[in-house]
Protein backbone atom coordinates (compact mmCIF):
# COMPACT_ATOMS: atom_id res chain seq x y z
CA MET A 1 -19.25 -42.08 14.26
CA LEU A 2 -22.30 -40.35 12.81
CA LYS A 3 -23.42 -41.41 9.38
CA THR A 4 -24.01 -39.05 6.48
CA ASN A 5 -27.76 -39.25 7.03
CA ASP A 6 -27.24 -38.19 10.66
CA ILE A 7 -25.41 -35.06 9.50
CA ALA A 8 -28.22 -34.41 7.03
CA ALA A 9 -30.72 -34.77 9.89
CA ILE A 10 -28.74 -32.29 12.01
CA LYS A 11 -28.68 -29.80 9.12
CA LEU A 12 -32.43 -30.23 8.69
CA TYR A 13 -32.99 -29.75 12.42
CA LEU A 14 -30.83 -26.60 12.45
CA SER A 15 -33.02 -25.17 9.69
CA HIS A 16 -36.42 -26.01 11.18
CA PHE A 17 -36.76 -22.85 13.30
CA ASP A 18 -38.78 -19.96 11.84
CA GLY A 19 -36.66 -17.42 9.98
CA VAL A 20 -33.38 -19.35 10.13
CA SER A 21 -30.87 -18.69 7.39
CA VAL A 22 -27.54 -20.31 6.61
CA ASP A 23 -24.47 -18.53 5.31
CA PHE A 24 -20.93 -19.54 4.33
CA PRO A 25 -18.99 -16.32 5.08
CA TYR A 26 -15.63 -17.99 5.79
CA THR A 27 -15.25 -21.24 3.82
CA LYS A 28 -17.41 -23.67 1.85
CA THR A 29 -17.11 -26.21 4.68
CA LEU A 30 -18.23 -23.91 7.53
CA ALA A 31 -21.97 -23.23 7.62
CA VAL A 32 -23.18 -20.47 9.94
CA TYR A 33 -26.81 -20.79 11.06
CA LEU A 34 -28.48 -17.48 11.96
CA THR A 35 -31.70 -16.57 13.74
CA ALA A 36 -34.24 -14.38 11.94
CA ASN A 37 -32.42 -11.40 13.48
CA LYS A 38 -29.09 -12.57 12.01
CA VAL A 39 -27.59 -13.70 15.34
CA PRO A 40 -25.45 -16.84 14.93
CA PHE A 41 -26.57 -19.84 16.95
CA ALA A 42 -24.63 -22.66 15.29
CA TYR A 43 -21.51 -23.27 13.23
CA LEU A 44 -21.36 -26.62 11.42
CA GLU A 45 -17.96 -27.56 10.02
CA LYS A 46 -17.63 -30.50 7.67
CA GLY A 47 -14.05 -30.04 6.48
CA ARG A 48 -12.47 -32.11 9.25
CA GLN A 49 -12.14 -35.88 9.63
CA LEU A 50 -15.17 -35.76 11.96
CA PRO A 51 -17.72 -32.96 11.54
CA GLU A 52 -18.03 -30.44 14.37
CA ILE A 53 -20.83 -28.22 15.57
CA SER A 54 -20.30 -25.13 17.71
CA LEU A 55 -23.29 -23.99 19.76
CA ARG A 56 -24.09 -21.27 22.26
CA ILE A 57 -24.38 -23.03 25.61
CA ASP A 58 -24.95 -21.59 29.07
CA SER A 59 -21.56 -21.59 30.84
CA GLN A 60 -22.65 -23.88 33.70
CA LEU A 61 -24.20 -26.43 31.36
CA ALA A 62 -21.17 -26.21 29.10
CA GLN A 63 -18.84 -27.07 31.98
CA LEU A 64 -20.99 -30.06 32.94
CA LEU A 65 -20.91 -31.30 29.34
CA ARG A 66 -17.13 -30.81 29.07
CA ASP A 67 -16.63 -32.77 32.28
CA LYS A 68 -18.87 -35.61 31.08
CA TYR A 69 -17.99 -35.90 27.36
CA GLU A 70 -14.53 -35.71 25.86
CA GLU A 71 -16.00 -34.65 22.51
CA VAL A 72 -17.30 -31.37 24.04
CA ALA A 73 -14.70 -28.59 24.24
CA GLN A 74 -14.56 -24.83 24.56
CA GLY A 75 -15.62 -23.09 21.38
CA ARG A 76 -12.84 -23.15 18.82
CA LYS A 77 -12.09 -19.67 17.48
CA LEU A 78 -15.17 -18.43 19.40
CA ASP A 79 -15.72 -16.91 22.84
CA PRO A 80 -15.34 -19.96 25.14
CA ARG A 81 -17.67 -18.39 27.72
CA GLN A 82 -20.54 -18.51 25.24
CA TRP A 83 -19.66 -21.29 22.81
CA SER A 84 -18.86 -24.99 22.95
CA THR A 85 -17.63 -27.14 20.08
CA ILE A 86 -18.88 -30.72 19.82
CA VAL A 87 -17.08 -33.28 17.68
CA LEU A 88 -19.83 -35.30 16.03
CA SER A 89 -18.32 -38.71 16.73
CA GLY A 90 -21.52 -40.29 18.02
CA GLN A 91 -20.73 -39.99 21.74
CA LEU A 92 -23.72 -37.66 22.09
CA GLY A 93 -26.91 -38.97 20.50
CA ARG A 94 -29.05 -37.10 18.02
CA ASP A 95 -31.67 -36.26 20.70
CA GLU A 96 -28.97 -34.73 22.91
CA ILE A 97 -27.57 -32.74 19.99
CA ASN A 98 -31.07 -31.54 19.08
CA ALA A 99 -31.70 -30.42 22.67
CA LEU A 100 -28.43 -28.45 22.63
CA ILE A 101 -29.39 -26.90 19.29
CA ASP A 102 -32.72 -25.82 20.86
CA HIS A 103 -30.82 -24.34 23.81
CA SER A 104 -28.43 -22.48 21.51
CA PHE A 105 -31.27 -21.09 19.39
CA GLN A 106 -33.10 -19.86 22.50
CA LEU A 107 -29.96 -18.13 23.85
CA ALA A 108 -29.26 -16.48 20.48
CA SER A 109 -32.88 -15.36 20.11
CA ARG A 110 -32.63 -13.46 23.41
CA LEU A 111 -29.64 -11.44 22.18
CA VAL A 112 -31.73 -9.17 19.97
């Protein structure tokens, strides 16, 4: 399981891109991270037993991740063709999560 400081590091990493903003349009426990052009690229939910992050992931990569890791699932309450939800249990390391955050940000940045 990830420690509190790991979640803090993920939040910091989500915010390191130029122009990123964070909003809480739905609940206090669901943070939506937006590109400078207000396109969502990450949803971080802390209200569950284990925190979850939903990211935009290319459909082929998403299927590979779902086949390899049980903590990676189709996006919950999001378009499953574009989004994957990752339970932050520690199965994926911080470097892997950061790489997926980069990927999600790049995909969202192209949607402008």
